[in-house]
Amino acid sequence: MVSMFKKFAGFFILVILLAGACAGSQIYELGNLEYENLGLTPGPTAEHINFNWLSNAQENKVSLVRLYNENGELLMTAIGEASPAFSGAMTHRVSVEGLEPNTEYSYSISSDGISWSTRYNFRTANTERFRFAAVADPQLTTGRMASYSEWFSQDGTTAQAWKDTVSKIAAENVDLIVGLGDQVDQTKRGNMLEYLDLFAPIELRSIPFAPTVGNHDRHYLFQYHFNLPNEQQFDIPFGITRSMEIRTLEAAGNYWFLYNNALFVVLNNSAYPVSTRDARRYIDRFDQTLAAAVNAHRGNFTWLFVMHHKSTTVHARHIMSRDRLRYVNAGFEELMDKYNVDIVLSGHYHIYNRGFSGGTTYLTLNTAAGSKYYDSPSPKNLSPYTQVNIQARKPQFTIIEVEDRTIHFRTYNIDSDVPIDAFTVEKRE
């Protein structure tokens, strides 16, 4: 195990980098933070919600959330945990339970028990139906969108494009956003500036965001920024990298939550297995996570969603990547069949692709912030899974509306209110 000094030493450079922040990034002196990068994640069920934020690393730190009803009356003060993060910062986690459906709440947070943040609002989902958005690969940089994009944000940065995408999503009155990996771009030890941009949209103070670990998210900053429900604990793999940081994140991020009549299981396939045998170790972990989720809520859900990063079904730049083939050969899709998974959501390929295998719908989404796009293969080389394959070279997002036994899907380019693809999945009796 690396020493605490080695583990965090790489983050000292963050304060220095702040002076060189690009447009779209905000400049902070980390030592003066009272609270920053405040975000919500789903709790174990729709009756729960989790909070996460950062503060400076002064003494006497606490994690408190005040919850108010729609009339502004204080309902409770929830107490959580505060623990060291990177140099000069603490990470705060609080979980609240006992929420009522279809109810408006407001909240404020405190890192010291004295000063409190601005109040923010959120609403719980209707029990009869709910609506959520799926996004993939914002892969936020501190610079500009891909030069060959067919649409650009006002300043041309991925940060502003991400704000624009989240704003469009919020206008759809979603209850939840799920992220399919590569929230940020810099892989080695991460970049705090990219996380500042990730949490910059004000709408993320009111809409829970459920992230997936992507291959660009394998750094401690991911752990410091999210409060994941039912996260499964696995041994750190040996892997092909000597980086304890990357290996730690390859073992993290397998979790699940129940949201009304839908069970969401998030699987971390960000690693690069060196063989099919190596890939089976990850498949075994996925099997354990799926089993734990299904057994915990057997008979209480209609729909089973799986979220992961590296799509196994799409054809694009990475189609012949050895790691992808090893996950396939190790039995990823057979595992989806074993648990009768209804919908598999993924990213990584920066292209939109919809396909079916057996009773499972596979949906691979394009980048939500225009960081880069991968070319579509010729029609003769498309996977037999494929029903729709689109490369529009524009940021995209998908709106998914879940009813009792019907799910409606609509995928949009950032610059249009007309979906590029829309379809419905029905559950037969």
Protein backbone atom coordinates (compact mmCIF):
# COMPACT_ATOMS: atom_id res chain seq x y z
CA MET A 1 0.00 0.00 0.00
CA VAL A 2 1.39 3.41 -0.90
CA SER A 3 1.89 5.91 1.89
CA MET A 4 -0.65 8.67 2.45
CA PHE A 5 1.99 11.13 1.29
CA LYS A 6 2.45 9.40 -2.05
CA LYS A 7 -1.29 8.95 -2.41
CA PHE A 8 -2.01 12.65 -2.17
CA ALA A 9 1.22 14.25 -3.30
CA GLY A 10 0.06 14.58 -6.88
CA PHE A 11 -2.74 16.89 -5.87
CA PHE A 12 -0.46 19.66 -4.53
CA ILE A 13 -0.06 20.77 -8.14
CA LEU A 14 -3.77 21.59 -8.33
CA VAL A 15 -3.41 24.86 -6.46
CA ILE A 16 -0.65 25.90 -8.84
CA LEU A 17 -2.74 24.95 -11.88
CA LEU A 18 -5.59 27.18 -10.79
CA ALA A 19 -3.75 30.25 -12.01
CA GLY A 20 -3.77 28.83 -15.52
CA ALA A 21 -7.42 27.92 -15.71
CA CYS A 22 -9.01 28.11 -19.14
CA ALA A 23 -12.29 29.76 -20.04
CA GLY A 24 -15.22 27.89 -18.55
CA SER A 25 -13.28 26.96 -15.40
CA GLN A 26 -13.64 28.88 -12.17
CA ILE A 27 -10.61 29.88 -10.11
CA TYR A 28 -10.46 28.91 -6.43
CA GLU A 29 -7.99 28.99 -3.61
CA LEU A 30 -8.63 25.51 -2.28
CA GLY A 31 -7.61 26.51 1.22
CA ASN A 32 -10.50 29.00 1.38
CA LEU A 33 -13.27 26.60 0.34
CA GLU A 34 -16.25 26.50 2.66
CA TYR A 35 -18.18 24.18 0.36
CA GLU A 36 -17.72 23.37 -3.30
CA ASN A 37 -18.78 20.90 -5.99
CA LEU A 38 -22.02 20.21 -4.17
CA GLY A 39 -23.97 17.42 -5.81
CA LEU A 40 -26.72 14.89 -5.21
CA THR A 41 -26.66 11.17 -5.91
CA PRO A 42 -29.54 8.72 -5.55
CA GLY A 43 -29.87 6.91 -2.25
CA PRO A 44 -30.61 3.18 -1.92
CA THR A 45 -34.27 3.81 -2.85
CA ALA A 46 -36.37 6.74 -4.06
CA GLU A 47 -37.10 7.46 -0.37
CA HIS A 48 -33.44 8.37 0.09
CA ILE A 49 -31.06 10.96 -1.31
CA ASN A 50 -27.30 11.37 -0.87
CA PHE A 51 -25.28 14.59 -0.67
CA ASN A 52 -21.59 15.14 -1.39
CA TRP A 53 -19.40 18.23 -1.36
CA LEU A 54 -15.88 19.51 -0.64
CA SER A 55 -14.57 22.04 1.86
CA ASN A 56 -11.18 23.24 3.05
CA ALA A 57 -9.23 21.10 5.47
CA GLN A 58 -9.48 23.23 8.60
CA GLU A 59 -10.20 21.63 11.97
CA ASN A 60 -13.64 20.92 13.45
CA LYS A 61 -15.19 19.90 10.16
CA VAL A 62 -18.68 18.39 10.18
CA SER A 63 -21.17 17.32 7.51
CA LEU A 64 -24.69 18.63 8.07
CA VAL A 65 -27.77 18.93 5.88
CA ARG A 66 -30.92 20.79 6.88
CA LEU A 67 -34.02 19.52 5.08
CA TYR A 68 -37.11 21.74 4.71
CA ASN A 69 -40.62 21.13 3.41
CA GLU A 70 -42.20 23.15 0.62
CA ASN A 71 -43.39 25.73 3.18
CA GLY A 72 -39.84 26.31 4.35
CA GLU A 73 -40.32 24.52 7.67
CA LEU A 74 -37.34 22.60 9.02
CA LEU A 75 -37.98 18.85 8.91
CA MET A 76 -34.62 17.51 10.10
CA THR A 77 -30.90 18.06 10.36
CA ALA A 78 -29.00 15.06 9.02
CA ILE A 79 -25.46 14.29 10.14
CA GLY A 80 -22.90 12.63 7.88
CA GLU A 81 -19.18 12.04 7.59
CA ALA A 82 -16.24 14.35 6.87
CA SER A 83 -12.93 12.83 5.80
CA PRO A 84 -9.66 14.00 4.23
CA ALA A 85 -9.55 14.29 0.46
CA PHE A 86 -6.66 15.74 -1.55
CA SER A 87 -4.30 18.26 -0.01
CA GLY A 88 -6.25 21.25 1.31
CA ALA A 89 -9.71 19.72 1.11
CA MET A 90 -12.20 17.56 2.97
CA THR A 91 -14.95 15.46 1.42
CA HIS A 92 -18.41 15.50 3.01
CA ARG A 93 -21.10 12.82 2.69
CA VAL A 94 -24.61 12.90 4.11
CA SER A 95 -27.56 10.57 3.46
CA VAL A 96 -31.21 11.48 4.08
CA GLU A 97 -34.05 8.97 4.25
CA GLY A 98 -37.81 9.01 4.75
CA LEU A 99 -38.65 11.16 1.72
CA GLU A 100 -42.22 11.20 0.42
CA PRO A 101 -42.94 10.67 -3.30
CA ASN A 102 -43.82 13.57 -5.59
CA THR A 103 -42.84 16.08 -2.92
CA GLU A 104 -40.91 19.35 -3.06
CA TYR A 105 -38.06 19.78 -0.57
CA SER A 106 -35.32 22.32 -0.03
CA TYR A 107 -32.01 21.93 1.75
CA SER A 108 -28.86 23.71 2.86
CA ILE A 109 -25.50 22.32 3.92
CA SER A 110 -22.85 23.21 6.48
CA SER A 111 -19.22 22.18 6.85
CA ASP A 112 -18.72 23.71 10.29
CA GLY A 113 -22.16 23.79 11.96
CA ILE A 114 -22.12 27.59 11.95
CA SER A 115 -22.39 28.90 8.39
CA TRP A 116 -24.93 27.43 5.98
CA SER A 117 -25.14 27.39 2.21
CA THR A 118 -27.85 28.85 0.02
CA ARG A 119 -31.02 26.74 -0.02
CA TYR A 120 -31.59 24.56 -3.06
CA ASN A 121 -34.73 22.71 -4.11
CA PHE A 122 -35.36 19.18 -5.32
CA ARG A 123 -38.47 17.10 -5.98
CA THR A 124 -38.95 13.37 -5.48
CA ALA A 125 -40.41 11.25 -8.26
CA ASN A 126 -44.01 10.30 -8.84
CA THR A 127 -44.62 6.66 -7.93
CA GLU A 128 -46.64 6.00 -11.10
CA ARG A 129 -43.97 7.09 -13.55
CA PHE A 130 -40.64 8.84 -13.56
CA ARG A 131 -38.36 10.39 -16.13
CA PHE A 132 -34.58 10.36 -16.20
CA ALA A 133 -31.82 11.41 -18.55
CA ALA A 134 -28.83 9.36 -19.66
CA VAL A 135 -25.57 10.99 -20.74
CA ALA A 136 -22.20 9.58 -21.75
CA ASP A 137 -18.65 10.85 -22.01
CA PRO A 138 -18.80 14.57 -21.28
CA GLN A 139 -15.05 13.93 -20.90
CA LEU A 140 -14.65 17.50 -19.77
CA THR A 141 -11.37 19.15 -20.55
CA THR A 142 -10.25 22.64 -19.60
CA GLY A 143 -10.27 23.53 -23.29
CA ARG A 144 -12.33 23.46 -26.42
CA MET A 145 -14.70 21.02 -28.05
CA ALA A 146 -13.54 18.82 -30.93
CA SER A 147 -12.63 21.02 -33.90
CA TYR A 148 -14.71 18.84 -36.24
CA SER A 149 -17.90 19.14 -34.19
CA GLU A 150 -21.02 20.15 -36.12
CA TRP A 151 -22.20 22.33 -33.22
CA PHE A 152 -20.28 24.54 -30.81
CA SER A 153 -21.14 26.12 -27.47
CA GLN A 154 -20.99 29.90 -27.25
CA ASP A 155 -17.34 29.93 -26.21
CA GLY A 156 -16.49 26.64 -27.87
CA THR A 157 -15.52 24.88 -24.63
CA THR A 158 -16.65 21.50 -23.35
CA ALA A 159 -17.48 23.18 -20.04
CA GLN A 160 -20.09 25.42 -21.63
CA ALA A 161 -21.40 22.60 -23.82
CA TRP A 162 -21.93 20.53 -20.67
CA LYS A 163 -23.85 23.42 -19.08
CA ASP A 164 -25.98 23.67 -22.21
CA THR A 165 -26.72 19.94 -22.18
CA VAL A 166 -27.66 19.90 -18.51
CA SER A 167 -29.90 22.93 -19.04
CA LYS A 168 -31.73 21.14 -21.85
CA ILE A 169 -32.10 18.06 -19.67
CA ALA A 170 -33.48 20.08 -16.75
CA ALA A 171 -36.12 21.57 -19.06
CA GLU A 172 -37.43 18.02 -19.53
CA ASN A 173 -38.31 17.90 -15.79
CA VAL A 174 -36.27 14.78 -15.15
CA ASP A 175 -36.06 13.18 -11.71
CA LEU A 176 -32.56 11.80 -12.20
CA ILE A 177 -29.51 11.87 -14.48
CA VAL A 178 -27.34 8.80 -15.04
CA GLY A 179 -23.79 9.22 -16.32
CA LEU A 180 -22.22 6.42 -18.33
CA GLY A 181 -18.59 7.15 -17.61
CA ASP A 182 -15.75 9.48 -18.55
CA GLN A 183 -17.19 12.43 -16.72
CA VAL A 184 -13.77 14.09 -17.04
CA ASP A 185 -10.81 13.72 -19.37
CA GLN A 186 -7.48 13.75 -17.55
CA THR A 187 -6.74 10.21 -16.47
CA LYS A 188 -3.53 10.48 -14.45
CA ARG A 189 -4.56 11.62 -10.96
CA GLY A 190 -7.42 13.64 -12.38
CA ASN A 191 -7.78 17.40 -12.65
CA MET A 192 -9.76 19.41 -10.11
CA LEU A 193 -10.54 22.05 -12.73
CA GLU A 194 -12.44 19.48 -14.77
CA TYR A 195 -14.50 18.55 -11.72
CA LEU A 196 -15.26 22.21 -11.08
CA ASP A 197 -16.71 22.30 -14.58
CA LEU A 198 -18.59 19.03 -14.08
CA PHE A 199 -20.44 20.40 -11.06
CA ALA A 200 -20.77 23.94 -12.41
CA PRO A 201 -24.35 23.58 -13.79
CA ILE A 202 -26.65 24.92 -11.07
CA GLU A 203 -29.24 22.30 -12.01
CA LEU A 204 -27.02 19.61 -10.46
CA ARG A 205 -27.86 21.07 -7.03
CA SER A 206 -31.43 19.84 -7.62
CA ILE A 207 -31.17 16.73 -9.83
CA PRO A 208 -29.43 13.58 -8.52
CA PHE A 209 -26.57 12.37 -10.72
CA ALA A 210 -25.60 8.67 -10.73
CA PRO A 211 -22.13 8.24 -12.28
CA THR A 212 -20.36 5.27 -13.83
CA VAL A 213 -16.60 4.86 -13.59
CA GLY A 214 -15.06 5.25 -17.05
CA ASN A 215 -11.49 4.64 -18.09
CA HIS A 216 -10.82 8.39 -17.73
CA ASP A 217 -12.32 8.46 -14.21
CA ARG A 218 -9.85 6.14 -12.52
CA HIS A 219 -8.48 8.53 -9.91
CA TYR A 220 -9.22 9.42 -6.31
CA LEU A 221 -11.07 12.58 -7.31
CA PHE A 222 -13.95 10.38 -8.47
CA GLN A 223 -14.29 8.91 -4.99
CA TYR A 224 -14.10 12.32 -3.34
CA HIS A 225 -16.96 13.71 -5.44
CA PHE A 226 -19.69 11.08 -5.23
CA ASN A 227 -21.68 9.44 -2.43
CA LEU A 228 -22.68 6.11 -3.97
CA PRO A 229 -25.44 3.88 -2.54
CA ASN A 230 -24.86 0.18 -1.88
CA GLU A 231 -21.32 0.33 -3.22
CA GLN A 232 -19.81 -3.16 -3.24
CA GLN A 233 -16.38 -3.69 -1.70
CA PHE A 234 -13.95 -5.76 -3.77
CA ASP A 235 -10.27 -6.56 -3.45
CA ILE A 236 -7.99 -4.29 -5.44
CA PRO A 237 -6.93 -6.15 -8.63
CA PHE A 238 -3.34 -6.58 -9.71
CA GLY A 239 -4.11 -5.40 -13.26
CA ILE A 240 -1.61 -4.23 -15.85
CA THR A 241 -0.79 -0.96 -14.12
CA ARG A 242 1.32 -0.42 -11.04
CA SER A 243 -0.69 2.65 -10.09
CA MET A 244 -2.49 1.98 -6.81
CA GLU A 245 -4.76 4.90 -7.60
CA ILE A 246 -5.99 3.42 -10.88
CA ARG A 247 -6.25 -0.07 -9.43
CA THR A 248 -8.26 1.23 -6.47
CA LEU A 249 -10.78 2.84 -8.79
CA GLU A 250 -11.00 -0.31 -10.92
CA ALA A 251 -12.28 -2.07 -7.79
CA ALA A 252 -14.72 0.71 -6.86
CA GLY A 253 -17.93 2.02 -8.39
CA ASN A 254 -20.00 -1.18 -8.48
CA TYR A 255 -23.29 -0.17 -6.85
CA TRP A 256 -27.05 -0.27 -7.18
CA PHE A 257 -30.23 1.57 -6.24
CA LEU A 258 -33.97 1.05 -6.54
CA TYR A 259 -35.92 3.92 -8.09
CA ASN A 260 -39.66 3.31 -8.02
CA ASN A 261 -40.23 0.18 -10.12
CA ALA A 262 -36.76 0.19 -11.72
CA LEU A 263 -33.60 -1.37 -10.33
CA PHE A 264 -30.37 0.28 -11.51
CA VAL A 265 -27.13 -1.70 -11.29
CA VAL A 266 -23.89 0.14 -12.09
CA LEU A 267 -20.87 -1.94 -13.12
CA ASN A 268 -17.28 -0.76 -13.40
CA ASN A 269 -15.60 -2.17 -16.52
CA SER A 270 -13.11 0.67 -16.82
CA ALA A 271 -10.16 -1.71 -16.44
CA TYR A 272 -8.10 -3.20 -19.26
CA PRO A 273 -7.97 -6.96 -18.59
CA VAL A 274 -4.86 -8.66 -19.96
CA SER A 275 -6.65 -11.87 -20.92
CA THR A 276 -10.09 -13.45 -21.04
CA ARG A 277 -9.23 -15.18 -17.77
CA ASP A 278 -8.42 -11.81 -16.24
CA ALA A 279 -11.69 -10.38 -17.57
CA ARG A 280 -13.63 -13.17 -15.85
CA ARG A 281 -12.54 -11.75 -12.49
CA TYR A 282 -14.46 -8.60 -13.35
CA ILE A 283 -17.41 -10.58 -14.69
CA ASP A 284 -17.50 -12.42 -11.35
CA ARG A 285 -17.69 -9.06 -9.57
CA PHE A 286 -20.52 -7.96 -11.81
CA ASP A 287 -22.31 -11.22 -11.07
CA GLN A 288 -21.98 -10.60 -7.33
CA THR A 289 -23.25 -7.03 -7.64
CA LEU A 290 -26.23 -8.05 -9.76
CA ALA A 291 -27.05 -10.89 -7.37
CA ALA A 292 -26.92 -8.59 -4.34
CA ALA A 293 -29.17 -6.02 -6.02
CA VAL A 294 -31.71 -8.51 -7.35
CA ASN A 295 -31.89 -10.47 -4.09
CA ALA A 296 -32.36 -7.30 -2.05
CA HIS A 297 -35.39 -6.24 -4.09
CA ARG A 298 -36.74 -9.42 -5.62
CA GLY A 299 -40.42 -8.93 -6.44
CA ASN A 300 -40.22 -5.15 -5.94
CA PHE A 301 -39.11 -4.05 -9.39
CA THR A 302 -40.42 -4.38 -12.93
CA TRP A 303 -37.42 -3.09 -14.90
CA LEU A 304 -33.74 -3.92 -14.56
CA PHE A 305 -31.22 -1.42 -15.95
CA VAL A 306 -27.48 -2.01 -16.13
CA MET A 307 -25.10 0.92 -16.58
CA HIS A 308 -21.46 0.45 -17.57
CA HIS A 309 -18.91 2.34 -19.61
CA LYS A 310 -17.32 0.20 -22.31
CA SER A 311 -20.09 -0.93 -24.62
CA THR A 312 -19.78 -4.52 -25.81
CA THR A 313 -22.14 -4.22 -28.78
CA VAL A 314 -21.30 -1.09 -30.77
CA HIS A 315 -19.09 -0.76 -33.84
CA ALA A 316 -16.77 2.23 -33.82
CA ARG A 317 -13.12 3.06 -33.22
CA HIS A 318 -12.68 0.69 -30.27
CA ILE A 319 -14.61 -2.24 -31.76
CA MET A 320 -11.55 -4.50 -32.00
CA SER A 321 -10.01 -3.34 -28.72
CA ARG A 322 -8.65 -6.34 -26.91
CA ASP A 323 -10.16 -5.31 -23.58
CA ARG A 324 -13.64 -5.09 -25.13
CA LEU A 325 -13.30 -8.51 -26.74
CA ARG A 326 -12.08 -9.99 -23.48
CA TYR A 327 -15.14 -8.72 -21.60
CA VAL A 328 -17.34 -10.23 -24.32
CA ASN A 329 -15.49 -13.54 -24.34
CA ALA A 330 -15.57 -13.67 -20.55
CA GLY A 331 -19.36 -13.59 -20.63
CA PHE A 332 -20.61 -10.04 -20.14
CA GLU A 333 -23.64 -10.48 -22.39
CA GLU A 334 -24.37 -13.95 -21.03
CA LEU A 335 -24.51 -12.30 -17.60
CA MET A 336 -27.13 -9.87 -18.87
CA ASP A 337 -29.18 -12.86 -20.06
CA LYS A 338 -28.72 -14.67 -16.75
CA TYR A 339 -30.38 -11.82 -14.85
CA ASN A 340 -32.93 -10.96 -17.56
CA VAL A 341 -31.61 -7.42 -17.81
CA ASP A 342 -34.03 -5.22 -19.75
CA ILE A 343 -31.84 -2.26 -20.70
CA VAL A 344 -28.05 -1.88 -20.90
CA LEU A 345 -26.78 1.71 -21.07
CA SER A 346 -23.17 2.48 -21.98
CA GLY A 347 -20.79 4.93 -23.65
CA HIS A 348 -17.05 5.01 -24.48
CA TYR A 349 -17.48 5.02 -28.27
CA HIS A 350 -18.64 8.63 -28.74
CA ILE A 351 -21.34 7.51 -31.16
CA TYR A 352 -25.05 6.69 -30.87
CA ASN A 353 -25.98 3.04 -31.33
CA ARG A 354 -29.10 1.03 -30.51
CA GLY A 355 -29.30 -2.72 -30.69
CA PHE A 356 -30.96 -5.82 -29.28
CA SER A 357 -29.74 -9.18 -28.10
CA GLY A 358 -32.33 -11.66 -26.90
CA GLY A 359 -34.64 -9.77 -24.59
CA THR A 360 -32.15 -7.02 -23.79
CA THR A 361 -31.99 -3.55 -25.38
CA TYR A 362 -28.44 -2.19 -25.66
CA LEU A 363 -28.08 1.59 -25.96
CA THR A 364 -24.70 3.27 -26.47
CA LEU A 365 -24.70 7.06 -26.22
CA ASN A 366 -22.60 9.77 -27.81
CA THR A 367 -20.66 12.45 -25.93
CA ALA A 368 -22.72 14.93 -23.92
CA ALA A 369 -20.20 17.77 -24.31
CA GLY A 370 -18.60 17.36 -27.74
CA SER A 371 -15.15 16.36 -26.51
CA LYS A 372 -14.59 14.03 -29.50
CA TYR A 373 -16.49 11.74 -31.88
CA TYR A 374 -15.59 8.39 -33.41
CA ASP A 375 -16.42 7.54 -37.01
CA SER A 376 -19.21 5.16 -37.89
CA PRO A 377 -18.21 1.95 -39.74
CA SER A 378 -19.51 1.09 -43.16
CA PRO A 379 -22.98 -0.57 -43.14
CA LYS A 380 -21.53 -3.95 -44.09
CA ASN A 381 -19.34 -3.89 -40.96
CA LEU A 382 -22.12 -3.06 -38.50
CA SER A 383 -22.78 -5.50 -35.70
CA PRO A 384 -25.78 -7.81 -36.12
CA TYR A 385 -27.03 -6.25 -32.87
CA THR A 386 -27.43 -2.86 -34.53
CA GLN A 387 -30.83 -1.36 -35.29
CA VAL A 388 -29.78 2.32 -35.38
CA ASN A 389 -26.30 3.82 -35.73
CA ILE A 390 -25.86 7.63 -35.89
CA GLN A 391 -22.83 9.91 -35.78
CA ALA A 392 -24.09 13.49 -35.85
CA ARG A 393 -20.96 15.05 -34.28
CA LYS A 394 -23.08 17.01 -31.83
CA PRO A 395 -23.50 16.66 -28.05
CA GLN A 396 -26.43 14.37 -27.27
CA PHE A 397 -28.59 13.17 -24.38
CA THR A 398 -31.37 10.63 -23.98
CA ILE A 399 -34.65 11.10 -22.08
CA ILE A 400 -36.14 7.88 -20.69
CA GLU A 401 -39.66 7.78 -19.26
CA VAL A 402 -40.51 4.74 -17.15
CA GLU A 403 -44.13 3.75 -16.61
CA ASP A 404 -45.56 0.54 -15.17
CA ARG A 405 -44.77 -1.83 -18.04
CA THR A 406 -43.63 0.62 -20.73
CA ILE A 407 -40.46 2.65 -21.27
CA HIS A 408 -40.22 5.47 -23.81
CA PHE A 409 -36.80 6.57 -25.16
CA ARG A 410 -36.00 9.84 -26.95
CA THR A 411 -32.46 10.86 -27.94
CA TYR A 412 -31.70 14.46 -28.91
CA ASN A 413 -28.92 16.46 -30.46
CA ILE A 414 -28.19 19.54 -28.36
CA ASP A 415 -29.48 21.93 -31.04
CA SER A 416 -32.86 20.34 -31.81
CA ASP A 417 -36.16 19.52 -30.11
CA VAL A 418 -36.77 16.73 -32.62
CA PRO A 419 -35.32 13.39 -31.48
CA ILE A 420 -32.78 11.65 -33.68
CA ASP A 421 -34.16 8.34 -32.42
CA ALA A 422 -37.30 7.43 -30.46
CA PHE A 423 -38.62 4.02 -29.50
CA THR A 424 -40.63 2.19 -26.87
CA VAL A 425 -39.95 -1.01 -24.94
CA GLU A 426 -42.87 -2.90 -23.42
CA LYS A 427 -42.81 -5.58 -20.75
CA ARG A 428 -44.99 -8.53 -21.64
CA GLU A 429 -46.98 -10.34 -18.98
